[in-house]
C-alpha atoms as a PDB file:
ATOM      1  CA  MET A   1     114.479 106.284 102.456  1.00  0.00           C
ATOM      2  CA  LEU A   2     113.043 108.588 105.113  1.00  0.00           C
ATOM      3  CA  GLU A   3     112.986 105.703 107.521  1.00  0.00           C
ATOM      4  CA  GLN A   4     116.718 104.909 106.975  1.00  0.00           C
ATOM      5  CA  ILE A   5     117.791 108.531 107.597  1.00  0.00           C
ATOM      6  CA  LEU A   6     115.659 108.629 110.746  1.00  0.00           C
ATOM      7  CA  ASP A   7     117.493 105.407 111.940  1.00  0.00           C
ATOM      8  CA  ARG A   8     120.830 106.755 111.081  1.00  0.00           C
ATOM      9  CA  TYR A   9     120.724 110.213 112.508  1.00  0.00           C
ATOM     10  CA  GLU A  10     119.643 111.237 115.760  1.00  0.00           C
ATOM     11  CA  ASP A  11     118.509 114.815 114.715  1.00  0.00           C
ATOM     12  CA  ASP A  12     114.874 115.766 114.221  1.00  0.00           C
ATOM     13  CA  PHE A  13     114.144 116.521 110.503  1.00  0.00           C
ATOM     14  CA  LEU A  14     111.598 118.925 109.151  1.00  0.00           C
ATOM     15  CA  VAL A  15     109.596 116.549 106.803  1.00  0.00           C
ATOM     16  CA  ALA A  16     107.602 117.946 103.871  1.00  0.00           C
ATOM     17  CA  ASP A  17     104.023 116.076 104.077  1.00  0.00           C
ATOM     18  CA  GLY A  18     103.292 114.147 100.952  1.00  0.00           C
ATOM     19  CA  PHE A  19     106.821 113.873  99.557  1.00  0.00           C
ATOM     20  CA  ASP A  20     108.576 110.957 101.492  1.00  0.00           C
ATOM     21  CA  ALA A  21     109.207 109.355  98.121  1.00  0.00           C
ATOM     22  CA  ALA A  22     111.065 112.348  96.858  1.00  0.00           C
ATOM     23  CA  ILE A  23     113.592 112.509  99.505  1.00  0.00           C
ATOM     24  CA  ILE A  24     117.086 111.854  98.085  1.00  0.00           C
ATOM     25  CA  GLY A  25     119.477 112.512 100.973  1.00  0.00           C
ATOM     26  CA  VAL A  26     120.672 114.561 103.694  1.00  0.00           C
ATOM     27  CA  ASP A  27     122.594 117.910 104.193  1.00  0.00           C
ATOM     28  CA  GLU A  28     124.851 116.657 106.989  1.00  0.00           C
ATOM     29  CA  ASN A  29     126.374 120.416 107.409  1.00  0.00           C
ATOM     30  CA  GLN A  30     123.066 121.609 108.481  1.00  0.00           C
ATOM     31  CA  MET A  31     121.066 118.508 109.014  1.00  0.00           C
ATOM     32  CA  ARG A  32     118.322 119.090 106.708  1.00  0.00           C
ATOM     33  CA  LEU A  33     116.507 116.580 104.322  1.00  0.00           C
ATOM     34  CA  ILE A  34     117.168 116.756 100.517  1.00  0.00           C
ATOM     35  CA  TYR A  35     114.257 116.532  98.155  1.00  0.00           C
ATOM     36  CA  SER A  36     114.330 115.872  94.323  1.00  0.00           C
ATOM     37  CA  VAL A  37     112.124 118.694  92.705  1.00  0.00           C
ATOM     38  CA  SER A  38     111.440 116.452  89.625  1.00  0.00           C
ATOM     39  CA  LYS A  39     110.211 113.779  91.891  1.00  0.00           C
ATOM     40  CA  CYS A  40     107.948 116.280  93.980  1.00  0.00           C
ATOM     41  CA  LEU A  41     106.412 117.524  90.809  1.00  0.00           C
ATOM     42  CA  ARG A  42     105.726 113.786  89.638  1.00  0.00           C
ATOM     43  CA  ILE A  43     103.858 113.541  92.794  1.00  0.00           C
ATOM     44  CA  LEU A  44     101.846 116.502  92.389  1.00  0.00           C
ATOM     45  CA  GLU A  45     101.131 115.701  88.684  1.00  0.00           C
ATOM     46  CA  SER A  46      99.060 112.765  89.964  1.00  0.00           C
ATOM     47  CA  ASP A  47      96.295 115.419  90.959  1.00  0.00           C
ATOM     48  CA  MET A  48      97.060 118.326  88.716  1.00  0.00           C
ATOM     49  CA  SER A  49      98.530 119.290  85.423  1.00  0.00           C
ATOM     50  CA  GLU A  50     102.121 119.832  84.882  1.00  0.00           C
ATOM     51  CA  GLU A  51     101.702 123.711  84.791  1.00  0.00           C
ATOM     52  CA  GLU A  52      99.540 123.697  87.944  1.00  0.00           C
ATOM     53  CA  ALA A  53     102.220 121.287  89.676  1.00  0.00           C
ATOM     54  CA  LEU A  54     104.940 123.762  89.143  1.00  0.00           C
ATOM     55  CA  GLU A  55     103.074 126.630  90.106  1.00  0.00           C
ATOM     56  CA  TYR A  56     101.880 125.034  93.269  1.00  0.00           C
ATOM     57  CA  PHE A  57     105.241 123.581  94.177  1.00  0.00           C
ATOM     58  CA  THR A  58     106.997 127.103  93.631  1.00  0.00           C
ATOM     59  CA  PHE A  59     104.747 129.124  95.698  1.00  0.00           C
ATOM     60  CA  ASN A  60     103.279 126.597  98.483  1.00  0.00           C
ATOM     61  CA  VAL A  61     106.326 124.215  98.927  1.00  0.00           C
ATOM     62  CA  SER A  62     109.704 125.435  97.716  1.00  0.00           C
ATOM     63  CA  GLY A  63     108.797 128.882  98.656  1.00  0.00           C
ATOM     64  CA  ALA A  64     107.925 128.242 102.298  1.00  0.00           C
ATOM     65  CA  TYR A  65     110.450 128.884 104.795  1.00  0.00           C
ATOM     66  CA  MET A  66     109.969 127.023 108.041  1.00  0.00           C
ATOM     67  CA  GLY A  67     112.967 127.919 109.871  1.00  0.00           C
ATOM     68  CA  GLU A  68     116.528 126.566 109.847  1.00  0.00           C
ATOM     69  CA  LYS A  69     115.489 122.864 109.284  1.00  0.00           C
ATOM     70  CA  THR A  70     113.571 123.894 105.939  1.00  0.00           C
ATOM     71  CA  PRO A  71     114.428 121.166 103.598  1.00  0.00           C
ATOM     72  CA  VAL A  72     116.628 121.555 100.455  1.00  0.00           C
ATOM     73  CA  TRP A  73     115.072 121.498  97.117  1.00  0.00           C
ATOM     74  CA  CYS A  74     117.381 119.891  94.559  1.00  0.00           C
ATOM     75  CA  TRP A  75     116.513 120.988  91.152  1.00  0.00           C
ATOM     76  CA  ASP A  76     117.686 117.780  89.314  1.00  0.00           C
ATOM     77  CA  ASP A  77     116.051 118.018  85.966  1.00  0.00           C
ATOM     78  CA  PHE A  78     119.075 118.794  84.004  1.00  0.00           C
ATOM     79  CA  GLU A  79     120.039 116.755  80.940  1.00  0.00           C
END
């Protein structure tokens, strides 16, 4: 998905390292990548428990502000 987005848009995006498989789209208003939180957590859970993954993600990933290009974290685990 990331490669297709980069081919389509000329803008530079801030990419979250290790989470390329969790990209689900682009916020075209602010030109930011959108990541699926549930996919990010699954990626992290390959190396840690579910609880550890959620804690790590909350404090080290979604909680990090990197400027106006900070990715959008889509909480998509609703049933």
